[in-house]
Structure formats: structure tokens, C-alpha cells
Amino acid sequence: MDVLYFAWVRERIGLPKEKVETSAATVSDLVSELCAREERYAAAFADLSALRVALDQELSDFDASLTGVREVAFFPPMTGG
């Protein structure tokens, strides 16, 4: 699946996107797999309350199933002004 990173998440990980082969059942499982890879992922996902996730371009939550999902995007909450 494609995993996309935006804003400071991209800066911490150092990539805008990547293809990931995963056996993760949920978004939380995917985050755990990514954090186990390298410290830069662990730093980016250290505080999940500061992140949002979209599955196939629809806002979702970290307990959501990844069954059939082709794209996961991580980004900070949007702010307006």
C-alpha cells in the first residue's frame, strides 16, 4: 500500500511517501510496524493525539481496519485562521 506523510510528519521521517508491504490489520498495527523500523518513524509517531489519518482519502481513526485500503496518509490536524 502507499503511505503518505505530510507537514512535520514528512520532515521527521524524511520521505513524502513510500510503498509498504504490511501484514497490519489496523492503522495502529501499521504505526507499530513503522516505529519498529527506525527511530525517525518512532519520533514521528510518538504522540498519536497530534496526528490524523486518512484511508483512501477519507478521514479515519487509528483503530480502523486496513482491509482493502490502498493508501494511508498521516498528517497533523488542520488549523484555520
C-alpha atoms as a PDB file:
ATOM      1  CA  MET A   1       0.000   0.000   0.000  1.00  0.00           C
ATOM      2  CA  ASP A   2       1.064   3.606  -0.422  1.00  0.00           C
ATOM      3  CA  VAL A   3       1.817   5.512   2.777  1.00  0.00           C
ATOM      4  CA  LEU A   4       1.910   9.308   2.535  1.00  0.00           C
ATOM      5  CA  TYR A   5       3.342  11.753   5.060  1.00  0.00           C
ATOM      6  CA  PHE A   6       2.505  15.454   5.256  1.00  0.00           C
ATOM      7  CA  ALA A   7       3.877  18.561   7.020  1.00  0.00           C
ATOM      8  CA  TRP A   8       6.118  17.865  10.039  1.00  0.00           C
ATOM      9  CA  VAL A   9       5.450  14.115   9.759  1.00  0.00           C
ATOM     10  CA  ARG A  10       7.201  14.185   6.372  1.00  0.00           C
ATOM     11  CA  GLU A  11      10.035  16.254   7.825  1.00  0.00           C
ATOM     12  CA  ARG A  12      10.660  13.816  10.684  1.00  0.00           C
ATOM     13  CA  ILE A  13      10.510  10.715   8.501  1.00  0.00           C
ATOM     14  CA  GLY A  14      12.333  12.303   5.578  1.00  0.00           C
ATOM     15  CA  LEU A  15      10.000  10.963   2.894  1.00  0.00           C
ATOM     16  CA  PRO A  16       6.828  12.298   1.273  1.00  0.00           C
ATOM     17  CA  LYS A  17       5.568   8.760   0.520  1.00  0.00           C
ATOM     18  CA  GLU A  18       6.598   5.139   0.266  1.00  0.00           C
ATOM     19  CA  LYS A  19       5.229   1.742  -0.694  1.00  0.00           C
ATOM     20  CA  VAL A  20       4.846  -0.527   2.317  1.00  0.00           C
ATOM     21  CA  GLU A  21       4.309  -4.275   2.397  1.00  0.00           C
ATOM     22  CA  THR A  22       2.459  -4.968   5.624  1.00  0.00           C
ATOM     23  CA  SER A  23       0.501  -7.618   7.450  1.00  0.00           C
ATOM     24  CA  ALA A  24      -1.030  -4.964   9.741  1.00  0.00           C
ATOM     25  CA  ALA A  25      -4.751  -5.372  10.398  1.00  0.00           C
ATOM     26  CA  THR A  26      -5.344  -1.809  11.631  1.00  0.00           C
ATOM     27  CA  VAL A  27      -3.774   1.614  11.311  1.00  0.00           C
ATOM     28  CA  SER A  28      -2.384   1.220  14.846  1.00  0.00           C
ATOM     29  CA  ASP A  29      -0.710  -2.035  13.803  1.00  0.00           C
ATOM     30  CA  LEU A  30       0.827  -0.274  10.806  1.00  0.00           C
ATOM     31  CA  VAL A  31       2.145   2.511  13.038  1.00  0.00           C
ATOM     32  CA  SER A  32       3.715  -0.108  15.326  1.00  0.00           C
ATOM     33  CA  GLU A  33       5.404  -1.777  12.347  1.00  0.00           C
ATOM     34  CA  LEU A  34       6.733   1.553  11.092  1.00  0.00           C
ATOM     35  CA  CYS A  35       8.006   2.574  14.544  1.00  0.00           C
ATOM     36  CA  ALA A  36       9.921  -0.707  14.807  1.00  0.00           C
ATOM     37  CA  ARG A  37      11.799   0.111  11.579  1.00  0.00           C
ATOM     38  CA  GLU A  38      13.827   3.141  12.647  1.00  0.00           C
ATOM     39  CA  GLU A  39      13.969   5.887  15.243  1.00  0.00           C
ATOM     40  CA  ARG A  40      12.758   8.525  12.762  1.00  0.00           C
ATOM     41  CA  TYR A  41       9.385   6.733  12.497  1.00  0.00           C
ATOM     42  CA  ALA A  42       9.165   6.374  16.272  1.00  0.00           C
ATOM     43  CA  ALA A  43       9.795  10.128  16.590  1.00  0.00           C
ATOM     44  CA  ALA A  44       7.114  10.970  14.028  1.00  0.00           C
ATOM     45  CA  PHE A  45       4.508   8.741  15.682  1.00  0.00           C
ATOM     46  CA  ALA A  46       5.448   9.417  19.319  1.00  0.00           C
ATOM     47  CA  ASP A  47       2.217  11.332  20.026  1.00  0.00           C
ATOM     48  CA  LEU A  48      -0.703   9.932  18.048  1.00  0.00           C
ATOM     49  CA  SER A  49      -3.039  12.547  19.524  1.00  0.00           C
ATOM     50  CA  ALA A  50      -1.137  15.081  17.390  1.00  0.00           C
ATOM     51  CA  LEU A  51      -1.858  13.140  14.185  1.00  0.00           C
ATOM     52  CA  ARG A  52      -4.753  12.434  11.883  1.00  0.00           C
ATOM     53  CA  VAL A  53      -5.058   9.605   9.390  1.00  0.00           C
ATOM     54  CA  ALA A  54      -6.931   9.201   6.127  1.00  0.00           C
ATOM     55  CA  LEU A  55      -7.605   5.887   4.406  1.00  0.00           C
ATOM     56  CA  ASP A  56      -8.096   6.149   0.658  1.00  0.00           C
ATOM     57  CA  GLN A  57      -8.574   9.922   1.143  1.00  0.00           C
ATOM     58  CA  GLU A  58     -11.262   9.611   3.833  1.00  0.00           C
ATOM     59  CA  LEU A  59     -10.621  10.760   7.393  1.00  0.00           C
ATOM     60  CA  SER A  60     -10.453   7.760   9.698  1.00  0.00           C
ATOM     61  CA  ASP A  61      -9.105   6.688  13.076  1.00  0.00           C
ATOM     62  CA  PHE A  62      -6.211   4.579  14.288  1.00  0.00           C
ATOM     63  CA  ASP A  63      -8.437   1.583  15.121  1.00  0.00           C
ATOM     64  CA  ALA A  64      -9.701   1.362  11.530  1.00  0.00           C
ATOM     65  CA  SER A  65      -9.178  -1.796   9.508  1.00  0.00           C
ATOM     66  CA  LEU A  66      -6.718  -1.751   6.619  1.00  0.00           C
ATOM     67  CA  THR A  67      -8.601  -4.436   4.685  1.00  0.00           C
ATOM     68  CA  GLY A  68      -8.810  -3.325   1.052  1.00  0.00           C
ATOM     69  CA  VAL A  69      -7.064   0.006   1.738  1.00  0.00           C
ATOM     70  CA  ARG A  70      -4.664   1.193  -0.952  1.00  0.00           C
ATOM     71  CA  GLU A  71      -3.499   4.498   0.556  1.00  0.00           C
ATOM     72  CA  VAL A  72      -2.828   5.648   4.112  1.00  0.00           C
ATOM     73  CA  ALA A  73      -1.988   9.300   4.781  1.00  0.00           C
ATOM     74  CA  PHE A  74      -0.665  10.731   8.051  1.00  0.00           C
ATOM     75  CA  PHE A  75      -0.848  14.461   8.779  1.00  0.00           C
ATOM     76  CA  PRO A  76      -1.214  16.936  11.647  1.00  0.00           C
ATOM     77  CA  PRO A  77      -4.654  18.371  12.424  1.00  0.00           C
ATOM     78  CA  MET A  78      -5.690  21.200  10.145  1.00  0.00           C
ATOM     79  CA  THR A  79      -5.927  24.648  11.648  1.00  0.00           C
ATOM     80  CA  GLY A  80      -7.729  27.635  10.229  1.00  0.00           C
ATOM     81  CA  GLY A  81      -7.414  31.294  10.692  1.00  0.00           C
END
